[in-house]
Amino acid sequence: MAFENQQQASAYWRENIRLVLGLLTIWFAVSFGCGILLVDWLNEFRFFGFKLGFWFAQQGAIYVFVVLIFVYARLSSRLDIKYNVQED
């Protein structure tokens, strides 16, 4: 990976860190918010026969994490193309 100049490298990493922090915020909101803070309210609803809060705590947060991995891979690839540092 070779950047044309230091300014381009700084801009790339600034966008990459912003992307990572955004995705981690989503993961935190789902795992902590839905699995712990909002569990009592979510348990009033059912999902595939399970209480929704329980489902988020046991499986939902994991599914969201796996989806976020694919989202990061796609957005990171686009970022690489934008700054012309993609692998061929």
PDB file of N, CA and C in Angstrom:
ATOM      1  N   MET A   1       0.856  -1.167   0.000  1.00  0.00           N
ATOM      2  CA  MET A   1       0.000   0.000   0.000  1.00  0.00           C
ATOM      3  C   MET A   1       0.903   1.231   0.000  1.00  0.00           C
ATOM      4  N   ALA A   2       0.796   2.013  -1.021  1.00  0.00           N
ATOM      5  CA  ALA A   2       1.635   3.203  -1.126  1.00  0.00           C
ATOM      6  C   ALA A   2       0.745   4.416  -1.396  1.00  0.00           C
ATOM      7  N   PHE A   3       0.855   5.380  -0.524  1.00  0.00           N
ATOM      8  CA  PHE A   3       0.105   6.620  -0.701  1.00  0.00           C
ATOM      9  C   PHE A   3       0.959   7.616  -1.464  1.00  0.00           C
ATOM     10  N   GLU A   4       0.283   8.518  -2.157  1.00  0.00           N
ATOM     11  CA  GLU A   4       1.004   9.517  -2.941  1.00  0.00           C
ATOM     12  C   GLU A   4       1.719  10.518  -2.041  1.00  0.00           C
ATOM     13  N   ASN A   5       1.102  10.865  -0.916  1.00  0.00           N
ATOM     14  CA  ASN A   5       1.729  11.799   0.018  1.00  0.00           C
ATOM     15  C   ASN A   5       1.181  11.554   1.424  1.00  0.00           C
ATOM     16  N   GLN A   6       1.763  12.224   2.382  1.00  0.00           N
ATOM     17  CA  GLN A   6       1.370  12.049   3.782  1.00  0.00           C
ATOM     18  C   GLN A   6      -0.050  12.551   4.036  1.00  0.00           C
ATOM     19  N   GLN A   7      -0.457  13.587   3.330  1.00  0.00           N
ATOM     20  CA  GLN A   7      -1.806  14.132   3.509  1.00  0.00           C
ATOM     21  C   GLN A   7      -2.860  13.105   3.077  1.00  0.00           C
ATOM     22  N   GLN A   8      -2.603  12.407   1.986  1.00  0.00           N
ATOM     23  CA  GLN A   8      -3.527  11.378   1.521  1.00  0.00           C
ATOM     24  C   GLN A   8      -3.588  10.215   2.521  1.00  0.00           C
ATOM     25  N   ALA A   9      -2.454   9.837   3.064  1.00  0.00           N
ATOM     26  CA  ALA A   9      -2.414   8.762   4.053  1.00  0.00           C
ATOM     27  C   ALA A   9      -3.186   9.149   5.310  1.00  0.00           C
ATOM     28  N   SER A  10      -3.030  10.377   5.758  1.00  0.00           N
ATOM     29  CA  SER A  10      -3.762  10.845   6.938  1.00  0.00           C
ATOM     30  C   SER A  10      -5.265  10.870   6.693  1.00  0.00           C
ATOM     31  N   ALA A  11      -5.677  11.302   5.515  1.00  0.00           N
ATOM     32  CA  ALA A  11      -7.104  11.341   5.177  1.00  0.00           C
ATOM     33  C   ALA A  11      -7.673   9.928   5.122  1.00  0.00           C
ATOM     34  N   TYR A  12      -6.921   9.003   4.551  1.00  0.00           N
ATOM     35  CA  TYR A  12      -7.363   7.607   4.471  1.00  0.00           C
ATOM     36  C   TYR A  12      -7.581   7.030   5.862  1.00  0.00           C
ATOM     37  N   TRP A  13      -6.595   7.187   6.740  1.00  0.00           N
ATOM     38  CA  TRP A  13      -6.719   6.607   8.073  1.00  0.00           C
ATOM     39  C   TRP A  13      -7.776   7.315   8.909  1.00  0.00           C
ATOM     40  N   ARG A  14      -7.968   8.596   8.678  1.00  0.00           N
ATOM     41  CA  ARG A  14      -9.024   9.314   9.392  1.00  0.00           C
ATOM     42  C   ARG A  14     -10.398   8.729   9.015  1.00  0.00           C
ATOM     43  N   GLU A  15     -10.604   8.483   7.724  1.00  0.00           N
ATOM     44  CA  GLU A  15     -11.870   7.889   7.278  1.00  0.00           C
ATOM     45  C   GLU A  15     -12.009   6.449   7.768  1.00  0.00           C
ATOM     46  N   ASN A  16     -10.918   5.705   7.764  1.00  0.00           N
ATOM     47  CA  ASN A  16     -10.944   4.320   8.220  1.00  0.00           C
ATOM     48  C   ASN A  16     -11.293   4.245   9.714  1.00  0.00           C
ATOM     49  N   ILE A  17     -10.689   5.085  10.517  1.00  0.00           N
ATOM     50  CA  ILE A  17     -10.978   5.105  11.954  1.00  0.00           C
ATOM     51  C   ILE A  17     -12.422   5.531  12.194  1.00  0.00           C
ATOM     52  N   ARG A  18     -12.911   6.505  11.436  1.00  0.00           N
ATOM     53  CA  ARG A  18     -14.310   6.929  11.571  1.00  0.00           C
ATOM     54  C   ARG A  18     -15.244   5.768  11.237  1.00  0.00           C
ATOM     55  N   LEU A  19     -14.924   5.004  10.208  1.00  0.00           N
ATOM     56  CA  LEU A  19     -15.713   3.847   9.823  1.00  0.00           C
ATOM     57  C   LEU A  19     -15.719   2.798  10.941  1.00  0.00           C
ATOM     58  N   VAL A  20     -14.568   2.480  11.470  1.00  0.00           N
ATOM     59  CA  VAL A  20     -14.457   1.478  12.534  1.00  0.00           C
ATOM     60  C   VAL A  20     -15.234   1.929  13.774  1.00  0.00           C
ATOM     61  N   LEU A  21     -15.081   3.175  14.162  1.00  0.00           N
ATOM     62  CA  LEU A  21     -15.797   3.666  15.341  1.00  0.00           C
ATOM     63  C   LEU A  21     -17.307   3.654  15.133  1.00  0.00           C
ATOM     64  N   GLY A  22     -17.757   3.970  13.936  1.00  0.00           N
ATOM     65  CA  GLY A  22     -19.188   3.914  13.639  1.00  0.00           C
ATOM     66  C   GLY A  22     -19.730   2.499  13.753  1.00  0.00           C
ATOM     67  N   LEU A  23     -19.006   1.535  13.200  1.00  0.00           N
ATOM     68  CA  LEU A  23     -19.450   0.146  13.261  1.00  0.00           C
ATOM     69  C   LEU A  23     -19.385  -0.403  14.685  1.00  0.00           C
ATOM     70  N   LEU A  24     -18.367  -0.009  15.443  1.00  0.00           N
ATOM     71  CA  LEU A  24     -18.293  -0.430  16.840  1.00  0.00           C
ATOM     72  C   LEU A  24     -19.415   0.183  17.675  1.00  0.00           C
ATOM     73  N   THR A  25     -19.816   1.387  17.337  1.00  0.00           N
ATOM     74  CA  THR A  25     -20.938   2.019  18.030  1.00  0.00           C
ATOM     75  C   THR A  25     -22.223   1.245  17.781  1.00  0.00           C
ATOM     76  N   ILE A  26     -22.431   0.820  16.542  1.00  0.00           N
ATOM     77  CA  ILE A  26     -23.612   0.011  16.226  1.00  0.00           C
ATOM     78  C   ILE A  26     -23.568  -1.299  17.000  1.00  0.00           C
ATOM     79  N   TRP A  27     -22.420  -1.943  17.021  1.00  0.00           N
ATOM     80  CA  TRP A  27     -22.298  -3.221  17.721  1.00  0.00           C
ATOM     81  C   TRP A  27     -22.541  -3.037  19.219  1.00  0.00           C
ATOM     82  N   PHE A  28     -22.001  -1.977  19.797  1.00  0.00           N
ATOM     83  CA  PHE A  28     -22.213  -1.697  21.211  1.00  0.00           C
ATOM     84  C   PHE A  28     -23.682  -1.445  21.502  1.00  0.00           C
ATOM     85  N   ALA A  29     -24.340  -0.669  20.649  1.00  0.00           N
ATOM     86  CA  ALA A  29     -25.754  -0.362  20.855  1.00  0.00           C
ATOM     87  C   ALA A  29     -26.599  -1.630  20.810  1.00  0.00           C
ATOM     88  N   VAL A  30     -26.274  -2.530  19.896  1.00  0.00           N
ATOM     89  CA  VAL A  30     -27.049  -3.765  19.786  1.00  0.00           C
ATOM     90  C   VAL A  30     -26.731  -4.710  20.939  1.00  0.00           C
ATOM     91  N   SER A  31     -25.455  -4.936  21.214  1.00  0.00           N
ATOM     92  CA  SER A  31     -25.099  -5.919  22.238  1.00  0.00           C
ATOM     93  C   SER A  31     -25.402  -5.421  23.647  1.00  0.00           C
ATOM     94  N   PHE A  32     -25.021  -4.215  23.977  1.00  0.00           N
ATOM     95  CA  PHE A  32     -25.243  -3.692  25.321  1.00  0.00           C
ATOM     96  C   PHE A  32     -26.649  -3.126  25.473  1.00  0.00           C
ATOM     97  N   GLY A  33     -27.079  -2.359  24.477  1.00  0.00           N
ATOM     98  CA  GLY A  33     -28.394  -1.728  24.554  1.00  0.00           C
ATOM     99  C   GLY A  33     -29.528  -2.730  24.491  1.00  0.00           C
ATOM    100  N   CYS A  34     -29.533  -3.563  23.457  1.00  0.00           N
ATOM    101  CA  CYS A  34     -30.635  -4.515  23.285  1.00  0.00           C
ATOM    102  C   CYS A  34     -30.481  -5.743  24.179  1.00  0.00           C
ATOM    103  N   GLY A  35     -29.259  -6.130  24.490  1.00  0.00           N
ATOM    104  CA  GLY A  35     -29.039  -7.332  25.297  1.00  0.00           C
ATOM    105  C   GLY A  35     -29.054  -7.103  26.786  1.00  0.00           C
ATOM    106  N   ILE A  36     -28.877  -5.834  27.242  1.00  0.00           N
ATOM    107  CA  ILE A  36     -28.814  -5.568  28.683  1.00  0.00           C
ATOM    108  C   ILE A  36     -29.764  -4.455  29.085  1.00  0.00           C
ATOM    109  N   LEU A  37     -29.622  -3.284  28.493  1.00  0.00           N
ATOM    110  CA  LEU A  37     -30.405  -2.131  28.943  1.00  0.00           C
ATOM    111  C   LEU A  37     -31.894  -2.236  28.597  1.00  0.00           C
ATOM    112  N   LEU A  38     -32.205  -2.649  27.388  1.00  0.00           N
ATOM    113  CA  LEU A  38     -33.591  -2.680  26.922  1.00  0.00           C
ATOM    114  C   LEU A  38     -34.201  -4.077  26.979  1.00  0.00           C
ATOM    115  N   VAL A  39     -33.547  -5.000  27.670  1.00  0.00           N
ATOM    116  CA  VAL A  39     -33.981  -6.393  27.651  1.00  0.00           C
ATOM    117  C   VAL A  39     -35.397  -6.563  28.197  1.00  0.00           C
ATOM    118  N   ASP A  40     -35.759  -5.870  29.253  1.00  0.00           N
ATOM    119  CA  ASP A  40     -37.103  -6.026  29.820  1.00  0.00           C
ATOM    120  C   ASP A  40     -38.173  -5.559  28.846  1.00  0.00           C
ATOM    121  N   TRP A  41     -37.943  -4.438  28.194  1.00  0.00           N
ATOM    122  CA  TRP A  41     -38.908  -3.933  27.222  1.00  0.00           C
ATOM    123  C   TRP A  41     -38.975  -4.847  26.000  1.00  0.00           C
ATOM    124  N   LEU A  42     -37.818  -5.302  25.520  1.00  0.00           N
ATOM    125  CA  LEU A  42     -37.787  -6.175  24.344  1.00  0.00           C
ATOM    126  C   LEU A  42     -38.392  -7.551  24.622  1.00  0.00           C
ATOM    127  N   ASN A  43     -38.331  -7.992  25.880  1.00  0.00           N
ATOM    128  CA  ASN A  43     -38.888  -9.300  26.217  1.00  0.00           C
ATOM    129  C   ASN A  43     -40.406  -9.349  26.089  1.00  0.00           C
ATOM    130  N   GLU A  44     -41.032  -8.223  25.915  1.00  0.00           N
ATOM    131  CA  GLU A  44     -42.475  -8.202  25.683  1.00  0.00           C
ATOM    132  C   GLU A  44     -42.825  -8.704  24.280  1.00  0.00           C
ATOM    133  N   PHE A  45     -41.852  -8.757  23.403  1.00  0.00           N
ATOM    134  CA  PHE A  45     -42.051  -9.208  22.029  1.00  0.00           C
ATOM    135  C   PHE A  45     -41.411 -10.579  21.849  1.00  0.00           C
ATOM    136  N   ARG A  46     -41.933 -11.337  20.918  1.00  0.00           N
ATOM    137  CA  ARG A  46     -41.398 -12.672  20.643  1.00  0.00           C
ATOM    138  C   ARG A  46     -40.793 -12.712  19.243  1.00  0.00           C
ATOM    139  N   PHE A  47     -39.716 -13.485  19.109  1.00  0.00           N
ATOM    140  CA  PHE A  47     -39.021 -13.662  17.839  1.00  0.00           C
ATOM    141  C   PHE A  47     -38.680 -15.141  17.714  1.00  0.00           C
ATOM    142  N   PHE A  48     -39.289 -15.830  16.752  1.00  0.00           N
ATOM    143  CA  PHE A  48     -39.120 -17.276  16.583  1.00  0.00           C
ATOM    144  C   PHE A  48     -39.413 -18.044  17.873  1.00  0.00           C
ATOM    145  N   GLY A  49     -40.388 -17.558  18.634  1.00  0.00           N
ATOM    146  CA  GLY A  49     -40.789 -18.233  19.866  1.00  0.00           C
ATOM    147  C   GLY A  49     -39.994 -17.846  21.089  1.00  0.00           C
ATOM    148  N   PHE A  50     -38.969 -17.023  20.936  1.00  0.00           N
ATOM    149  CA  PHE A  50     -38.151 -16.602  22.071  1.00  0.00           C
ATOM    150  C   PHE A  50     -38.442 -15.149  22.399  1.00  0.00           C
ATOM    151  N   LYS A  51     -38.227 -14.783  23.646  1.00  0.00           N
ATOM    152  CA  LYS A  51     -38.345 -13.374  24.019  1.00  0.00           C
ATOM    153  C   LYS A  51     -37.253 -12.605  23.278  1.00  0.00           C
ATOM    154  N   LEU A  52     -37.616 -11.460  22.727  1.00  0.00           N
ATOM    155  CA  LEU A  52     -36.694 -10.729  21.855  1.00  0.00           C
ATOM    156  C   LEU A  52     -35.436 -10.269  22.597  1.00  0.00           C
ATOM    157  N   GLY A  53     -35.573  -9.811  23.831  1.00  0.00           N
ATOM    158  CA  GLY A  53     -34.396  -9.396  24.599  1.00  0.00           C
ATOM    159  C   GLY A  53     -33.439 -10.550  24.832  1.00  0.00           C
ATOM    160  N   PHE A  54     -33.985 -11.716  25.161  1.00  0.00           N
ATOM    161  CA  PHE A  54     -33.167 -12.909  25.341  1.00  0.00           C
ATOM    162  C   PHE A  54     -32.470 -13.277  24.039  1.00  0.00           C
ATOM    163  N   TRP A  55     -33.222 -13.201  22.917  1.00  0.00           N
ATOM    164  CA  TRP A  55     -32.643 -13.549  21.628  1.00  0.00           C
ATOM    165  C   TRP A  55     -31.479 -12.632  21.282  1.00  0.00           C
ATOM    166  N   PHE A  56     -31.645 -11.314  21.508  1.00  0.00           N
ATOM    167  CA  PHE A  56     -30.548 -10.385  21.222  1.00  0.00           C
ATOM    168  C   PHE A  56     -29.338 -10.683  22.090  1.00  0.00           C
ATOM    169  N   ALA A  57     -29.564 -10.995  23.348  1.00  0.00           N
ATOM    170  CA  ALA A  57     -28.446 -11.273  24.245  1.00  0.00           C
ATOM    171  C   ALA A  57     -27.714 -12.552  23.853  1.00  0.00           C
ATOM    172  N   GLN A  58     -28.455 -13.557  23.377  1.00  0.00           N
ATOM    173  CA  GLN A  58     -27.842 -14.846  23.074  1.00  0.00           C
ATOM    174  C   GLN A  58     -27.340 -14.981  21.641  1.00  0.00           C
ATOM    175  N   GLN A  59     -28.083 -14.446  20.674  1.00  0.00           N
ATOM    176  CA  GLN A  59     -27.717 -14.673  19.284  1.00  0.00           C
ATOM    177  C   GLN A  59     -27.698 -13.408  18.439  1.00  0.00           C
ATOM    178  N   GLY A  60     -28.598 -12.498  18.710  1.00  0.00           N
ATOM    179  CA  GLY A  60     -28.743 -11.318  17.859  1.00  0.00           C
ATOM    180  C   GLY A  60     -27.485 -10.489  17.750  1.00  0.00           C
ATOM    181  N   ALA A  61     -26.811 -10.275  18.875  1.00  0.00           N
ATOM    182  CA  ALA A  61     -25.583  -9.472  18.854  1.00  0.00           C
ATOM    183  C   ALA A  61     -24.491 -10.153  18.029  1.00  0.00           C
ATOM    184  N   ILE A  62     -24.454 -11.470  18.065  1.00  0.00           N
ATOM    185  CA  ILE A  62     -23.460 -12.203  17.279  1.00  0.00           C
ATOM    186  C   ILE A  62     -23.760 -12.064  15.791  1.00  0.00           C
ATOM    187  N   TYR A  63     -25.042 -12.193  15.420  1.00  0.00           N
ATOM    188  CA  TYR A  63     -25.418 -12.033  14.024  1.00  0.00           C
ATOM    189  C   TYR A  63     -25.086 -10.630  13.515  1.00  0.00           C
ATOM    190  N   VAL A  64     -25.383  -9.636  14.337  1.00  0.00           N
ATOM    191  CA  VAL A  64     -25.079  -8.252  13.953  1.00  0.00           C
ATOM    192  C   VAL A  64     -23.572  -8.087  13.768  1.00  0.00           C
ATOM    193  N   PHE A  65     -22.781  -8.681  14.654  1.00  0.00           N
ATOM    194  CA  PHE A  65     -21.326  -8.587  14.543  1.00  0.00           C
ATOM    195  C   PHE A  65     -20.835  -9.196  13.228  1.00  0.00           C
ATOM    196  N   VAL A  66     -21.360 -10.355  12.854  1.00  0.00           N
ATOM    197  CA  VAL A  66     -20.949 -11.006  11.603  1.00  0.00           C
ATOM    198  C   VAL A  66     -21.334 -10.146  10.406  1.00  0.00           C
ATOM    199  N   VAL A  67     -22.529  -9.577  10.430  1.00  0.00           N
ATOM    200  CA  VAL A  67     -22.957  -8.685   9.346  1.00  0.00           C
ATOM    201  C   VAL A  67     -22.042  -7.466   9.270  1.00  0.00           C
ATOM    202  N   LEU A  68     -21.662  -6.918  10.435  1.00  0.00           N
ATOM    203  CA  LEU A  68     -20.779  -5.748  10.454  1.00  0.00           C
ATOM    204  C   LEU A  68     -19.403  -6.071   9.884  1.00  0.00           C
ATOM    205  N   ILE A  69     -18.951  -7.302  10.024  1.00  0.00           N
ATOM    206  CA  ILE A  69     -17.678  -7.700   9.424  1.00  0.00           C
ATOM    207  C   ILE A  69     -17.756  -7.583   7.905  1.00  0.00           C
ATOM    208  N   PHE A  70     -18.854  -8.078   7.324  1.00  0.00           N
ATOM    209  CA  PHE A  70     -19.020  -7.986   5.867  1.00  0.00           C
ATOM    210  C   PHE A  70     -19.205  -6.536   5.412  1.00  0.00           C
ATOM    211  N   VAL A  71     -19.920  -5.754   6.206  1.00  0.00           N
ATOM    212  CA  VAL A  71     -20.093  -4.328   5.884  1.00  0.00           C
ATOM    213  C   VAL A  71     -18.746  -3.625   5.907  1.00  0.00           C
ATOM    214  N   TYR A  72     -17.922  -3.913   6.929  1.00  0.00           N
ATOM    215  CA  TYR A  72     -16.601  -3.293   7.001  1.00  0.00           C
ATOM    216  C   TYR A  72     -15.735  -3.696   5.803  1.00  0.00           C
ATOM    217  N   ALA A  73     -15.769  -4.961   5.432  1.00  0.00           N
ATOM    218  CA  ALA A  73     -14.962  -5.417   4.294  1.00  0.00           C
ATOM    219  C   ALA A  73     -15.349  -4.678   3.023  1.00  0.00           C
ATOM    220  N   ARG A  74     -16.652  -4.532   2.804  1.00  0.00           N
ATOM    221  CA  ARG A  74     -17.115  -3.844   1.594  1.00  0.00           C
ATOM    222  C   ARG A  74     -16.754  -2.360   1.621  1.00  0.00           C
ATOM    223  N   LEU A  75     -17.032  -1.694   2.743  1.00  0.00           N
ATOM    224  CA  LEU A  75     -16.745  -0.256   2.827  1.00  0.00           C
ATOM    225  C   LEU A  75     -15.246   0.019   2.824  1.00  0.00           C
ATOM    226  N   SER A  76     -14.472  -0.864   3.428  1.00  0.00           N
ATOM    227  CA  SER A  76     -13.017  -0.710   3.413  1.00  0.00           C
ATOM    228  C   SER A  76     -12.469  -0.869   1.999  1.00  0.00           C
ATOM    229  N   SER A  77     -13.044  -1.788   1.249  1.00  0.00           N
ATOM    230  CA  SER A  77     -12.634  -1.970  -0.142  1.00  0.00           C
ATOM    231  C   SER A  77     -12.925  -0.718  -0.967  1.00  0.00           C
ATOM    232  N   ARG A  78     -14.092  -0.141  -0.751  1.00  0.00           N
ATOM    233  CA  ARG A  78     -14.433   1.106  -1.455  1.00  0.00           C
ATOM    234  C   ARG A  78     -13.482   2.237  -1.061  1.00  0.00           C
ATOM    235  N   LEU A  79     -13.111   2.267   0.218  1.00  0.00           N
ATOM    236  CA  LEU A  79     -12.180   3.290   0.688  1.00  0.00           C
ATOM    237  C   LEU A  79     -10.811   3.109   0.032  1.00  0.00           C
ATOM    238  N   ASP A  80     -10.376   1.865  -0.097  1.00  0.00           N
ATOM    239  CA  ASP A  80      -9.106   1.584  -0.773  1.00  0.00           C
ATOM    240  C   ASP A  80      -9.131   2.063  -2.219  1.00  0.00           C
ATOM    241  N   ILE A  81     -10.243   1.811  -2.899  1.00  0.00           N
ATOM    242  CA  ILE A  81     -10.375   2.244  -4.294  1.00  0.00           C
ATOM    243  C   ILE A  81     -10.375   3.770  -4.372  1.00  0.00           C
ATOM    244  N   LYS A  82     -11.056   4.415  -3.441  1.00  0.00           N
ATOM    245  CA  LYS A  82     -11.125   5.879  -3.435  1.00  0.00           C
ATOM    246  C   LYS A  82      -9.743   6.498  -3.323  1.00  0.00           C
ATOM    247  N   TYR A  83      -8.875   5.901  -2.497  1.00  0.00           N
ATOM    248  CA  TYR A  83      -7.530   6.447  -2.318  1.00  0.00           C
ATOM    249  C   TYR A  83      -6.469   5.730  -3.161  1.00  0.00           C
ATOM    250  N   ASN A  84      -6.927   4.852  -4.067  1.00  0.00           N
ATOM    251  CA  ASN A  84      -6.050   4.174  -5.007  1.00  0.00           C
ATOM    252  C   ASN A  84      -4.943   3.362  -4.299  1.00  0.00           C
ATOM    253  N   VAL A  85      -5.343   2.619  -3.265  1.00  0.00           N
ATOM    254  CA  VAL A  85      -4.398   1.773  -2.542  1.00  0.00           C
ATOM    255  C   VAL A  85      -4.893   0.332  -2.483  1.00  0.00           C
ATOM    256  N   GLN A  86      -5.796  -0.052  -3.403  1.00  0.00           N
ATOM    257  CA  GLN A  86      -6.348  -1.395  -3.395  1.00  0.00           C
ATOM    258  C   GLN A  86      -5.316  -2.406  -3.845  1.00  0.00           C
ATOM    259  N   GLU A  87      -5.523  -3.645  -3.410  1.00  0.00           N
ATOM    260  CA  GLU A  87      -4.655  -4.732  -3.862  1.00  0.00           C
ATOM    261  C   GLU A  87      -5.221  -5.285  -5.154  1.00  0.00           C
ATOM    262  N   ASP A  88      -4.365  -5.614  -6.073  1.00  0.00           N
ATOM    263  CA  ASP A  88      -4.825  -6.139  -7.360  1.00  0.00           C
ATOM    264  C   ASP A  88      -4.936  -7.631  -7.343  1.00  0.00           C
TER     265      ASP A  88
END
